[in-house]
Amino acid sequence: MRTARIKGEGGDYYHCMSRVIERKFVLGDAERERFRRLLRACEAFCGVRVLTYALLSNHFHLLVEVPERGEPEDAELARRVSALYGGARARELAARLQALRALGTEATEREASELRERYLYRMGDISEFMKTLKQRFTQRFNRARGRRGTLWEERFKSVLVESGEALATMAAYIDLNAVRAGLAKDPATYRYCGYGEAMGGSGRARAGLGTVLASVGQPSDWRRAQERYREWLFVEGESTEARPGFSTEGVRAVLASGGKLSAGQALRCRVRYFSDGVALGSRAFVESVFQAHRDYFGARRKSGARPMRRVTFKGLYTARDLRLAAVTPSN
């Protein structure tokens, strides 16, 4: 039986990650471009906000804001449907709702409500957003390749992220994925991540990162924010001219010496807390998540917040203590 996924109550941030089955490297440039277009369509349909992302050869990372659930008006609902299903479906929906509203009977209002619910239940929910994104990409991928079956390995991972320092740290971790994987020396040149898309001129990508920066008191206007975010990415020890990521031997030496990784070093490694930690933020934030989802944890568990071992992230805590391989070195 699956463990229930921890979710906030609205107005929350999530880091979501999913891998291709058997971790096969099947996502080339064409597939990643299709995924990015579908990501934006699902974003518009579900009413979430993608703050940043990274698309790699066999997995992807998303940092998503899920607002509080609302009840969009009929016109807004049709606009969202158009983003994912096209204009013809949206016009058909709008016309049908208008006709039902014009009749104004209890039965037609009930029919209109049922018609709306066919779409509304998938909006404002992280699980439905990810399900829609992954299923629709799988369908397109399978048609193009003449294959059947699932494309993704198990269900997606998610971490509930606190606004502020934790959110900015997570955004930088995601945007540096291409550097750690050896796909780019500078994330600004990698077109399949939020930072690269923003540097290429995308307004939506810039607005997403602007939200991240605003959460730590930085200007959200891109002209002023881009320098601050680049400084955030290239923390002490980072260089666009250096080789992408640490060697396995170098990371092992640091761990063997008992030293903690700096923020810059840890961001250039695969830090499992960012995908397996369940919740990430201040001690108070993680404790609040723990109390709200007490049944998720064992009966002997007395408190929620756990310090992040082997890394230093300015007072951030996690809900899961990864005693083994908390840091996985990049190759």
C-alpha atoms as a PDB file:
ATOM      1  CA  MET A   1       0.000   0.000   0.000  1.00  0.00           C
ATOM      2  CA  ARG A   2       1.326   3.438  -0.908  1.00  0.00           C
ATOM      3  CA  THR A   3       2.203   5.929   1.796  1.00  0.00           C
ATOM      4  CA  ALA A   4       0.043   9.052   1.587  1.00  0.00           C
ATOM      5  CA  ARG A   5       1.849  12.003   0.040  1.00  0.00           C
ATOM      6  CA  ILE A   6       2.450  14.979   2.327  1.00  0.00           C
ATOM      7  CA  LYS A   7       0.776  18.100   0.964  1.00  0.00           C
ATOM      8  CA  GLY A   8       0.215  21.620   2.204  1.00  0.00           C
ATOM      9  CA  GLU A   9      -3.158  23.295   2.459  1.00  0.00           C
ATOM     10  CA  GLY A  10      -2.724  25.727  -0.425  1.00  0.00           C
ATOM     11  CA  GLY A  11      -0.232  28.431  -1.309  1.00  0.00           C
ATOM     12  CA  ASP A  12       2.627  25.927  -1.050  1.00  0.00           C
ATOM     13  CA  TYR A  13       5.877  25.134  -2.862  1.00  0.00           C
ATOM     14  CA  TYR A  14       7.027  21.687  -3.971  1.00  0.00           C
ATOM     15  CA  HIS A  15      10.144  20.185  -5.480  1.00  0.00           C
ATOM     16  CA  CYS A  16       9.025  17.300  -7.705  1.00  0.00           C
ATOM     17  CA  MET A  17      11.282  14.808  -9.466  1.00  0.00           C
ATOM     18  CA  SER A  18      10.686  11.780 -11.689  1.00  0.00           C
ATOM     19  CA  ARG A  19      12.955   9.409 -13.628  1.00  0.00           C
ATOM     20  CA  VAL A  20      12.576   7.430 -16.831  1.00  0.00           C
ATOM     21  CA  ILE A  21      12.034   3.712 -16.254  1.00  0.00           C
ATOM     22  CA  GLU A  22      15.321   1.826 -15.844  1.00  0.00           C
ATOM     23  CA  ARG A  23      16.927   5.298 -15.966  1.00  0.00           C
ATOM     24  CA  LYS A  24      17.400   5.041 -19.717  1.00  0.00           C
ATOM     25  CA  PHE A  25      18.779   8.098 -21.514  1.00  0.00           C
ATOM     26  CA  VAL A  26      15.923   8.607 -23.960  1.00  0.00           C
ATOM     27  CA  LEU A  27      15.150  12.328 -23.621  1.00  0.00           C
ATOM     28  CA  GLY A  28      17.038  14.102 -26.367  1.00  0.00           C
ATOM     29  CA  ASP A  29      16.699  17.705 -27.447  1.00  0.00           C
ATOM     30  CA  ALA A  30      13.463  17.090 -29.369  1.00  0.00           C
ATOM     31  CA  GLU A  31      11.852  15.253 -26.435  1.00  0.00           C
ATOM     32  CA  ARG A  32      12.922  17.879 -23.922  1.00  0.00           C
ATOM     33  CA  GLU A  33      11.526  20.649 -26.126  1.00  0.00           C
ATOM     34  CA  ARG A  34       8.187  18.819 -26.349  1.00  0.00           C
ATOM     35  CA  PHE A  35       8.237  18.258 -22.592  1.00  0.00           C
ATOM     36  CA  ARG A  36       8.852  21.959 -21.958  1.00  0.00           C
ATOM     37  CA  ARG A  37       5.930  23.003 -24.157  1.00  0.00           C
ATOM     38  CA  LEU A  38       3.670  20.461 -22.452  1.00  0.00           C
ATOM     39  CA  LEU A  39       4.901  21.628 -19.032  1.00  0.00           C
ATOM     40  CA  ARG A  40       3.744  25.167 -19.790  1.00  0.00           C
ATOM     41  CA  ALA A  41       0.388  23.907 -21.085  1.00  0.00           C
ATOM     42  CA  CYS A  42      -0.199  21.820 -17.939  1.00  0.00           C
ATOM     43  CA  GLU A  43       0.880  24.790 -15.821  1.00  0.00           C
ATOM     44  CA  ALA A  44      -1.778  26.978 -17.420  1.00  0.00           C
ATOM     45  CA  PHE A  45      -4.471  24.295 -17.240  1.00  0.00           C
ATOM     46  CA  CYS A  46      -3.899  23.255 -13.621  1.00  0.00           C
ATOM     47  CA  GLY A  47      -3.422  26.791 -12.346  1.00  0.00           C
ATOM     48  CA  VAL A  48      -0.023  26.146 -10.770  1.00  0.00           C
ATOM     49  CA  ARG A  49       3.184  28.159 -11.266  1.00  0.00           C
ATOM     50  CA  VAL A  50       6.472  26.619 -12.357  1.00  0.00           C
ATOM     51  CA  LEU A  51       9.169  28.653 -10.599  1.00  0.00           C
ATOM     52  CA  THR A  52      12.068  26.803 -12.218  1.00  0.00           C
ATOM     53  CA  TYR A  53      12.881  23.382 -13.648  1.00  0.00           C
ATOM     54  CA  ALA A  54      15.603  21.186 -15.137  1.00  0.00           C
ATOM     55  CA  LEU A  55      15.097  18.625 -17.904  1.00  0.00           C
ATOM     56  CA  LEU A  56      17.860  16.044 -18.246  1.00  0.00           C
ATOM     57  CA  SER A  57      18.364  12.957 -20.403  1.00  0.00           C
ATOM     58  CA  ASN A  58      16.540  10.550 -18.085  1.00  0.00           C
ATOM     59  CA  HIS A  59      14.793  12.621 -15.407  1.00  0.00           C
ATOM     60  CA  PHE A  60      13.389  16.028 -14.578  1.00  0.00           C
ATOM     61  CA  HIS A  61      13.102  18.412 -11.613  1.00  0.00           C
ATOM     62  CA  LEU A  62      10.345  20.977 -11.045  1.00  0.00           C
ATOM     63  CA  LEU A  63       9.940  23.689  -8.427  1.00  0.00           C
ATOM     64  CA  VAL A  64       6.225  24.472  -8.361  1.00  0.00           C
ATOM     65  CA  GLU A  65       3.951  26.860  -6.499  1.00  0.00           C
ATOM     66  CA  VAL A  66       0.456  25.466  -5.906  1.00  0.00           C
ATOM     67  CA  PRO A  67      -1.925  28.266  -4.891  1.00  0.00           C
ATOM     68  CA  GLU A  68      -4.985  27.857  -2.732  1.00  0.00           C
ATOM     69  CA  ARG A  69      -7.826  26.160  -4.545  1.00  0.00           C
ATOM     70  CA  GLY A  70     -10.314  28.518  -6.118  1.00  0.00           C
ATOM     71  CA  GLU A  71     -13.405  28.395  -8.288  1.00  0.00           C
ATOM     72  CA  PRO A  72     -12.557  29.984 -11.643  1.00  0.00           C
ATOM     73  CA  GLU A  73     -15.353  31.662 -13.531  1.00  0.00           C
ATOM     74  CA  ASP A  74     -16.606  29.961 -16.685  1.00  0.00           C
ATOM     75  CA  ALA A  75     -14.507  32.199 -18.941  1.00  0.00           C
ATOM     76  CA  GLU A  76     -11.331  31.472 -16.972  1.00  0.00           C
ATOM     77  CA  LEU A  77     -12.101  27.752 -16.965  1.00  0.00           C
ATOM     78  CA  ALA A  78     -12.467  27.807 -20.760  1.00  0.00           C
ATOM     79  CA  ARG A  79      -9.149  29.670 -21.062  1.00  0.00           C
ATOM     80  CA  ARG A  80      -7.397  26.997 -19.009  1.00  0.00           C
ATOM     81  CA  VAL A  81      -8.991  24.205 -21.029  1.00  0.00           C
ATOM     82  CA  SER A  82      -7.793  25.896 -24.225  1.00  0.00           C
ATOM     83  CA  ALA A  83      -4.184  25.795 -22.981  1.00  0.00           C
ATOM     84  CA  LEU A  84      -4.191  21.984 -22.782  1.00  0.00           C
ATOM     85  CA  TYR A  85      -6.970  20.805 -25.110  1.00  0.00           C
ATOM     86  CA  GLY A  86      -7.056  23.529 -27.751  1.00  0.00           C
ATOM     87  CA  GLY A  87      -9.432  26.264 -28.789  1.00  0.00           C
ATOM     88  CA  ALA A  88     -12.165  24.019 -30.233  1.00  0.00           C
ATOM     89  CA  ARG A  89     -12.690  22.159 -26.939  1.00  0.00           C
ATOM     90  CA  ALA A  90     -12.655  25.443 -25.007  1.00  0.00           C
ATOM     91  CA  ARG A  91     -15.244  27.065 -27.290  1.00  0.00           C
ATOM     92  CA  GLU A  92     -17.474  24.017 -27.039  1.00  0.00           C
ATOM     93  CA  LEU A  93     -17.236  24.083 -23.240  1.00  0.00           C
ATOM     94  CA  ALA A  94     -17.943  27.828 -23.051  1.00  0.00           C
ATOM     95  CA  ALA A  95     -20.957  27.544 -25.368  1.00  0.00           C
ATOM     96  CA  ARG A  96     -22.419  24.625 -23.434  1.00  0.00           C
ATOM     97  CA  LEU A  97     -22.010  26.363 -20.083  1.00  0.00           C
ATOM     98  CA  GLN A  98     -23.556  29.552 -21.449  1.00  0.00           C
ATOM     99  CA  ALA A  99     -26.571  27.622 -22.741  1.00  0.00           C
ATOM    100  CA  LEU A 100     -27.062  25.839 -19.419  1.00  0.00           C
ATOM    101  CA  ARG A 101     -26.756  29.096 -17.467  1.00  0.00           C
ATOM    102  CA  ALA A 102     -29.342  30.753 -19.737  1.00  0.00           C
ATOM    103  CA  LEU A 103     -31.949  28.118 -18.868  1.00  0.00           C
ATOM    104  CA  GLY A 104     -31.407  28.840 -15.190  1.00  0.00           C
ATOM    105  CA  THR A 105     -33.140  25.783 -13.735  1.00  0.00           C
ATOM    106  CA  GLU A 106     -31.905  23.719 -10.834  1.00  0.00           C
ATOM    107  CA  ALA A 107     -31.312  20.775 -13.165  1.00  0.00           C
ATOM    108  CA  THR A 108     -29.281  22.789 -15.694  1.00  0.00           C
ATOM    109  CA  GLU A 109     -27.219  24.423 -12.936  1.00  0.00           C
ATOM    110  CA  ARG A 110     -26.445  20.951 -11.614  1.00  0.00           C
ATOM    111  CA  GLU A 111     -25.477  19.813 -15.115  1.00  0.00           C
ATOM    112  CA  ALA A 112     -23.214  22.873 -15.496  1.00  0.00           C
ATOM    113  CA  SER A 113     -21.565  22.099 -12.154  1.00  0.00           C
ATOM    114  CA  GLU A 114     -20.934  18.495 -13.199  1.00  0.00           C
ATOM    115  CA  LEU A 115     -19.499  19.641 -16.523  1.00  0.00           C
ATOM    116  CA  ARG A 116     -17.127  22.031 -14.774  1.00  0.00           C
ATOM    117  CA  GLU A 117     -16.054  19.366 -12.289  1.00  0.00           C
ATOM    118  CA  ARG A 118     -14.714  17.196 -15.135  1.00  0.00           C
ATOM    119  CA  TYR A 119     -11.868  19.702 -15.304  1.00  0.00           C
ATOM    120  CA  LEU A 120     -11.812  21.378 -11.884  1.00  0.00           C
ATOM    121  CA  TYR A 121     -10.775  18.301  -9.889  1.00  0.00           C
ATOM    122  CA  ARG A 122      -7.427  18.331 -11.702  1.00  0.00           C
ATOM    123  CA  MET A 123      -6.682  21.947 -10.846  1.00  0.00           C
ATOM    124  CA  GLY A 124      -4.831  23.302  -7.826  1.00  0.00           C
ATOM    125  CA  ASP A 125      -3.423  19.914  -6.801  1.00  0.00           C
ATOM    126  CA  ILE A 126       0.216  18.822  -7.152  1.00  0.00           C
ATOM    127  CA  SER A 127      -0.624  15.141  -7.696  1.00  0.00           C
ATOM    128  CA  GLU A 128      -3.109  15.863 -10.485  1.00  0.00           C
ATOM    129  CA  PHE A 129      -0.680  18.298 -12.114  1.00  0.00           C
ATOM    130  CA  MET A 130       2.105  15.712 -12.159  1.00  0.00           C
ATOM    131  CA  LYS A 131      -0.235  12.942 -13.293  1.00  0.00           C
ATOM    132  CA  THR A 132      -1.486  15.032 -16.209  1.00  0.00           C
ATOM    133  CA  LEU A 133       2.034  16.068 -17.228  1.00  0.00           C
ATOM    134  CA  LYS A 134       3.557  12.597 -17.071  1.00  0.00           C
ATOM    135  CA  GLN A 135       0.661  10.745 -18.664  1.00  0.00           C
ATOM    136  CA  ARG A 136       0.274  13.120 -21.590  1.00  0.00           C
ATOM    137  CA  PHE A 137       4.020  13.170 -22.282  1.00  0.00           C
ATOM    138  CA  THR A 138       4.094   9.357 -22.145  1.00  0.00           C
ATOM    139  CA  GLN A 139       1.273   9.152 -24.691  1.00  0.00           C
ATOM    140  CA  ARG A 140       3.086  11.460 -27.105  1.00  0.00           C
ATOM    141  CA  PHE A 141       6.431   9.746 -26.547  1.00  0.00           C
ATOM    142  CA  ASN A 142       4.916   6.288 -27.132  1.00  0.00           C
ATOM    143  CA  ARG A 143       3.170   7.354 -30.334  1.00  0.00           C
ATOM    144  CA  ALA A 144       6.397   8.797 -31.710  1.00  0.00           C
ATOM    145  CA  ARG A 145       8.418   5.695 -30.775  1.00  0.00           C
ATOM    146  CA  GLY A 146       5.808   3.026 -31.513  1.00  0.00           C
ATOM    147  CA  ARG A 147       6.038   1.716 -27.955  1.00  0.00           C
ATOM    148  CA  ARG A 148       3.599   0.854 -25.170  1.00  0.00           C
ATOM    149  CA  GLY A 149       3.581   0.972 -21.419  1.00  0.00           C
ATOM    150  CA  THR A 150       4.810   3.337 -18.751  1.00  0.00           C
ATOM    151  CA  LEU A 151       7.731   5.663 -19.346  1.00  0.00           C
ATOM    152  CA  TRP A 152       8.359   6.764 -15.771  1.00  0.00           C
ATOM    153  CA  GLU A 153       9.954   4.904 -12.866  1.00  0.00           C
ATOM    154  CA  GLU A 154       7.491   4.481  -9.956  1.00  0.00           C
ATOM    155  CA  ARG A 155       5.608   7.536  -8.702  1.00  0.00           C
ATOM    156  CA  PHE A 156       7.179  10.960  -8.561  1.00  0.00           C
ATOM    157  CA  LYS A 157       9.069  12.214  -5.514  1.00  0.00           C
ATOM    158  CA  SER A 158       8.006  15.433  -3.846  1.00  0.00           C
ATOM    159  CA  VAL A 159       9.374  17.647  -1.098  1.00  0.00           C
ATOM    160  CA  LEU A 160       7.317  20.404   0.528  1.00  0.00           C
ATOM    161  CA  VAL A 161       9.544  23.509   0.571  1.00  0.00           C
ATOM    162  CA  GLU A 162       9.336  26.537   2.842  1.00  0.00           C
ATOM    163  CA  SER A 163       9.331  29.997   1.297  1.00  0.00           C
ATOM    164  CA  GLY A 164      12.557  31.973   1.767  1.00  0.00           C
ATOM    165  CA  GLU A 165      16.030  30.522   2.180  1.00  0.00           C
ATOM    166  CA  ALA A 166      14.883  26.949   1.519  1.00  0.00           C
ATOM    167  CA  LEU A 167      13.054  27.953  -1.672  1.00  0.00           C
ATOM    168  CA  ALA A 168      16.036  29.855  -3.066  1.00  0.00           C
ATOM    169  CA  THR A 169      18.432  27.036  -2.178  1.00  0.00           C
ATOM    170  CA  MET A 170      16.186  24.505  -3.902  1.00  0.00           C
ATOM    171  CA  ALA A 171      15.895  26.686  -7.013  1.00  0.00           C
ATOM    172  CA  ALA A 172      19.678  26.934  -7.283  1.00  0.00           C
ATOM    173  CA  TYR A 173      20.026  23.166  -6.782  1.00  0.00           C
ATOM    174  CA  ILE A 174      17.627  22.543  -9.670  1.00  0.00           C
ATOM    175  CA  ASP A 175      19.153  25.083 -12.054  1.00  0.00           C
ATOM    176  CA  LEU A 176      22.644  23.653 -11.441  1.00  0.00           C
ATOM    177  CA  ASN A 177      21.618  20.129 -12.479  1.00  0.00           C
ATOM    178  CA  ALA A 178      22.965  20.525 -16.012  1.00  0.00           C
ATOM    179  CA  VAL A 179      26.323  21.676 -14.623  1.00  0.00           C
ATOM    180  CA  ARG A 180      26.530  18.728 -12.244  1.00  0.00           C
ATOM    181  CA  ALA A 181      25.626  16.332 -15.075  1.00  0.00           C
ATOM    182  CA  GLY A 182      28.347  17.746 -17.319  1.00  0.00           C
ATOM    183  CA  LEU A 183      25.852  19.046 -19.891  1.00  0.00           C
ATOM    184  CA  ALA A 184      26.829  22.705 -19.505  1.00  0.00           C
ATOM    185  CA  LYS A 185      29.564  24.786 -17.937  1.00  0.00           C
ATOM    186  CA  ASP A 186      27.156  27.614 -17.232  1.00  0.00           C
ATOM    187  CA  PRO A 187      23.442  27.041 -16.513  1.00  0.00           C
ATOM    188  CA  ALA A 188      22.665  30.237 -18.418  1.00  0.00           C
ATOM    189  CA  THR A 189      23.563  28.402 -21.641  1.00  0.00           C
ATOM    190  CA  TYR A 190      21.418  25.333 -20.905  1.00  0.00           C
ATOM    191  CA  ARG A 191      18.085  25.902 -22.620  1.00  0.00           C
ATOM    192  CA  TYR A 192      16.200  23.198 -20.712  1.00  0.00           C
ATOM    193  CA  CYS A 193      16.252  24.775 -17.265  1.00  0.00           C
ATOM    194  CA  GLY A 194      14.363  27.696 -15.768  1.00  0.00           C
ATOM    195  CA  TYR A 195      17.436  29.907 -15.487  1.00  0.00           C
ATOM    196  CA  GLY A 196      18.496  29.209 -19.074  1.00  0.00           C
ATOM    197  CA  GLU A 197      14.984  29.934 -20.329  1.00  0.00           C
ATOM    198  CA  ALA A 198      14.910  33.177 -18.334  1.00  0.00           C
ATOM    199  CA  MET A 199      18.268  34.278 -19.742  1.00  0.00           C
ATOM    200  CA  GLY A 200      16.876  33.519 -23.200  1.00  0.00           C
ATOM    201  CA  GLY A 201      14.128  36.099 -22.663  1.00  0.00           C
ATOM    202  CA  SER A 202      11.134  34.083 -21.433  1.00  0.00           C
ATOM    203  CA  GLY A 203       8.815  36.246 -19.331  1.00  0.00           C
ATOM    204  CA  ARG A 204       7.263  33.271 -17.544  1.00  0.00           C
ATOM    205  CA  ALA A 205      10.656  31.867 -16.555  1.00  0.00           C
ATOM    206  CA  ARG A 206      11.785  35.274 -15.309  1.00  0.00           C
ATOM    207  CA  ALA A 207       8.595  35.726 -13.287  1.00  0.00           C
ATOM    208  CA  GLY A 208       9.102  32.322 -11.663  1.00  0.00           C
ATOM    209  CA  LEU A 209      12.619  33.114 -10.537  1.00  0.00           C
ATOM    210  CA  GLY A 210      11.443  36.569  -9.501  1.00  0.00           C
ATOM    211  CA  THR A 211       9.086  34.894  -7.041  1.00  0.00           C
ATOM    212  CA  VAL A 212      11.998  32.876  -5.658  1.00  0.00           C
ATOM    213  CA  LEU A 213      14.120  35.983  -5.151  1.00  0.00           C
ATOM    214  CA  ALA A 214      11.267  37.970  -3.635  1.00  0.00           C
ATOM    215  CA  SER A 215      10.956  35.255  -0.982  1.00  0.00           C
ATOM    216  CA  VAL A 216      14.442  36.166   0.315  1.00  0.00           C
ATOM    217  CA  GLY A 217      13.917  39.918   0.136  1.00  0.00           C
ATOM    218  CA  GLN A 218      15.572  40.454  -3.247  1.00  0.00           C
ATOM    219  CA  PRO A 219      14.054  42.517  -6.075  1.00  0.00           C
ATOM    220  CA  SER A 220      11.697  40.464  -8.243  1.00  0.00           C
ATOM    221  CA  ASP A 221      12.110  42.706 -11.306  1.00  0.00           C
ATOM    222  CA  TRP A 222      14.310  40.689 -13.669  1.00  0.00           C
ATOM    223  CA  ARG A 223      16.640  43.539 -14.606  1.00  0.00           C
ATOM    224  CA  ARG A 224      17.663  43.867 -10.990  1.00  0.00           C
ATOM    225  CA  ALA A 225      17.131  40.239  -9.983  1.00  0.00           C
ATOM    226  CA  GLN A 226      19.248  38.452 -12.584  1.00  0.00           C
ATOM    227  CA  GLU A 227      22.562  39.556 -11.053  1.00  0.00           C
ATOM    228  CA  ARG A 228      21.451  38.528  -7.561  1.00  0.00           C
ATOM    229  CA  TYR A 229      20.314  35.112  -8.768  1.00  0.00           C
ATOM    230  CA  ARG A 230      23.529  34.520 -10.692  1.00  0.00           C
ATOM    231  CA  GLU A 231      25.464  35.313  -7.512  1.00  0.00           C
ATOM    232  CA  TRP A 232      23.234  32.837  -5.705  1.00  0.00           C
ATOM    233  CA  LEU A 233      24.031  30.142  -8.296  1.00  0.00           C
ATOM    234  CA  PHE A 234      27.747  30.748  -8.384  1.00  0.00           C
ATOM    235  CA  VAL A 235      28.463  30.520  -4.689  1.00  0.00           C
ATOM    236  CA  GLU A 236      31.975  30.303  -3.285  1.00  0.00           C
ATOM    237  CA  GLY A 237      34.061  27.783  -5.201  1.00  0.00           C
ATOM    238  CA  GLU A 238      31.858  27.729  -8.331  1.00  0.00           C
ATOM    239  CA  SER A 239      33.312  28.657 -11.705  1.00  0.00           C
ATOM    240  CA  THR A 240      31.996  28.404 -15.245  1.00  0.00           C
ATOM    241  CA  GLU A 241      35.514  27.510 -16.400  1.00  0.00           C
ATOM    242  CA  ALA A 242      35.956  24.591 -13.976  1.00  0.00           C
ATOM    243  CA  ARG A 243      35.026  21.009 -14.671  1.00  0.00           C
ATOM    244  CA  PRO A 244      31.322  20.332 -13.956  1.00  0.00           C
ATOM    245  CA  GLY A 245      31.030  18.801 -10.513  1.00  0.00           C
ATOM    246  CA  PHE A 246      33.368  17.166  -8.052  1.00  0.00           C
ATOM    247  CA  SER A 247      35.157  13.895  -8.654  1.00  0.00           C
ATOM    248  CA  THR A 248      34.039  10.900  -6.610  1.00  0.00           C
ATOM    249  CA  GLU A 249      37.462  10.768  -4.934  1.00  0.00           C
ATOM    250  CA  GLY A 250      37.271  14.425  -3.911  1.00  0.00           C
ATOM    251  CA  VAL A 251      33.880  14.097  -2.261  1.00  0.00           C
ATOM    252  CA  ARG A 252      34.895  10.893  -0.481  1.00  0.00           C
ATOM    253  CA  ALA A 253      37.968  12.646   0.894  1.00  0.00           C
ATOM    254  CA  VAL A 254      35.831  15.457   2.317  1.00  0.00           C
ATOM    255  CA  LEU A 255      33.405  13.013   3.922  1.00  0.00           C
ATOM    256  CA  ALA A 256      36.201  10.823   5.278  1.00  0.00           C
ATOM    257  CA  SER A 257      37.779  13.830   6.954  1.00  0.00           C
ATOM    258  CA  GLY A 258      34.536  14.540   8.792  1.00  0.00           C
ATOM    259  CA  GLY A 259      34.221  17.977   7.197  1.00  0.00           C
ATOM    260  CA  LYS A 260      30.920  19.465   6.111  1.00  0.00           C
ATOM    261  CA  LEU A 261      30.346  20.558   2.565  1.00  0.00           C
ATOM    262  CA  SER A 262      29.897  24.249   1.920  1.00  0.00           C
ATOM    263  CA  ALA A 263      26.705  25.398   0.231  1.00  0.00           C
ATOM    264  CA  GLY A 264      28.576  25.725  -3.071  1.00  0.00           C
ATOM    265  CA  GLN A 265      30.060  22.240  -2.868  1.00  0.00           C
ATOM    266  CA  ALA A 266      26.797  20.615  -1.842  1.00  0.00           C
ATOM    267  CA  LEU A 267      24.873  22.252  -4.678  1.00  0.00           C
ATOM    268  CA  ARG A 268      27.358  20.694  -7.101  1.00  0.00           C
ATOM    269  CA  CYS A 269      26.581  17.265  -5.676  1.00  0.00           C
ATOM    270  CA  ARG A 270      23.325  15.320  -5.716  1.00  0.00           C
ATOM    271  CA  VAL A 271      21.966  16.094  -2.247  1.00  0.00           C
ATOM    272  CA  ARG A 272      19.277  13.505  -1.471  1.00  0.00           C
ATOM    273  CA  TYR A 273      17.594  15.759   1.080  1.00  0.00           C
ATOM    274  CA  PHE A 274      16.297  17.812  -1.848  1.00  0.00           C
ATOM    275  CA  SER A 275      14.369  14.845  -3.291  1.00  0.00           C
ATOM    276  CA  ASP A 276      13.916  12.426  -0.355  1.00  0.00           C
ATOM    277  CA  GLY A 277      13.631  14.732   2.643  1.00  0.00           C
ATOM    278  CA  VAL A 278       9.783  15.019   2.600  1.00  0.00           C
ATOM    279  CA  ALA A 279       9.878  18.654   3.812  1.00  0.00           C
ATOM    280  CA  LEU A 280      12.618  21.283   3.790  1.00  0.00           C
ATOM    281  CA  GLY A 281      12.787  24.561   5.687  1.00  0.00           C
ATOM    282  CA  SER A 282      13.326  26.108   9.102  1.00  0.00           C
ATOM    283  CA  ARG A 283      12.928  24.046  12.274  1.00  0.00           C
ATOM    284  CA  ALA A 284       9.510  25.633  12.907  1.00  0.00           C
ATOM    285  CA  PHE A 285       8.296  24.929   9.377  1.00  0.00           C
ATOM    286  CA  VAL A 286       9.307  21.251   9.428  1.00  0.00           C
ATOM    287  CA  GLU A 287       7.793  20.825  12.901  1.00  0.00           C
ATOM    288  CA  SER A 288       4.498  22.273  11.635  1.00  0.00           C
ATOM    289  CA  VAL A 289       4.496  19.813   8.718  1.00  0.00           C
ATOM    290  CA  PHE A 290       5.265  16.974  11.146  1.00  0.00           C
ATOM    291  CA  GLN A 291       2.379  17.911  13.451  1.00  0.00           C
ATOM    292  CA  ALA A 292      -0.069  18.323  10.561  1.00  0.00           C
ATOM    293  CA  HIS A 293       0.814  14.889   9.161  1.00  0.00           C
ATOM    294  CA  ARG A 294       1.555  12.979  12.386  1.00  0.00           C
ATOM    295  CA  ASP A 295       0.149   9.688  11.044  1.00  0.00           C
ATOM    296  CA  TYR A 296       2.730   9.674   8.250  1.00  0.00           C
ATOM    297  CA  PHE A 297       5.537   9.080  10.776  1.00  0.00           C
ATOM    298  CA  GLY A 298       6.209   6.223  13.197  1.00  0.00           C
ATOM    299  CA  ALA A 299       4.591   6.137  16.636  1.00  0.00           C
ATOM    300  CA  ARG A 300       7.980   6.504  18.364  1.00  0.00           C
ATOM    301  CA  ARG A 301       8.776   9.707  16.498  1.00  0.00           C
ATOM    302  CA  LYS A 302       8.552  12.607  18.966  1.00  0.00           C
ATOM    303  CA  SER A 303       9.668  15.537  16.827  1.00  0.00           C
ATOM    304  CA  GLY A 304       9.784  16.437  13.148  1.00  0.00           C
ATOM    305  CA  ALA A 305      12.828  18.582  12.359  1.00  0.00           C
ATOM    306  CA  ARG A 306      16.161  16.903  11.632  1.00  0.00           C
ATOM    307  CA  PRO A 307      19.394  18.774  10.832  1.00  0.00           C
ATOM    308  CA  MET A 308      20.883  18.107   7.399  1.00  0.00           C
ATOM    309  CA  ARG A 309      23.979  15.975   8.015  1.00  0.00           C
ATOM    310  CA  ARG A 310      27.171  16.498   6.009  1.00  0.00           C
ATOM    311  CA  VAL A 311      25.999  19.784   4.519  1.00  0.00           C
ATOM    312  CA  THR A 312      25.671  23.342   5.769  1.00  0.00           C
ATOM    313  CA  PHE A 313      22.618  25.275   4.632  1.00  0.00           C
ATOM    314  CA  LYS A 314      22.141  28.148   7.064  1.00  0.00           C
ATOM    315  CA  GLY A 315      19.742  26.584   9.536  1.00  0.00           C
ATOM    316  CA  LEU A 316      17.674  24.455   7.149  1.00  0.00           C
ATOM    317  CA  TYR A 317      16.084  21.273   8.480  1.00  0.00           C
ATOM    318  CA  THR A 318      14.464  18.236   6.906  1.00  0.00           C
ATOM    319  CA  ALA A 319      11.733  15.839   8.008  1.00  0.00           C
ATOM    320  CA  ARG A 320      13.683  12.726   7.037  1.00  0.00           C
ATOM    321  CA  ASP A 321      17.099  11.822   8.447  1.00  0.00           C
ATOM    322  CA  LEU A 322      19.122  10.226   5.621  1.00  0.00           C
ATOM    323  CA  ARG A 323      21.709   8.289   7.571  1.00  0.00           C
ATOM    324  CA  LEU A 324      23.175   6.600   4.506  1.00  0.00           C
ATOM    325  CA  ALA A 325      24.378   8.350   1.346  1.00  0.00           C
ATOM    326  CA  ALA A 326      22.846  11.709   2.170  1.00  0.00           C
ATOM    327  CA  VAL A 327      25.237  13.156  -0.420  1.00  0.00           C
ATOM    328  CA  THR A 328      25.796  11.318  -3.689  1.00  0.00           C
ATOM    329  CA  PRO A 329      28.801  12.642  -5.614  1.00  0.00           C
ATOM    330  CA  SER A 330      28.490  13.677  -9.239  1.00  0.00           C
ATOM    331  CA  ASN A 331      30.541  11.699 -11.705  1.00  0.00           C
END
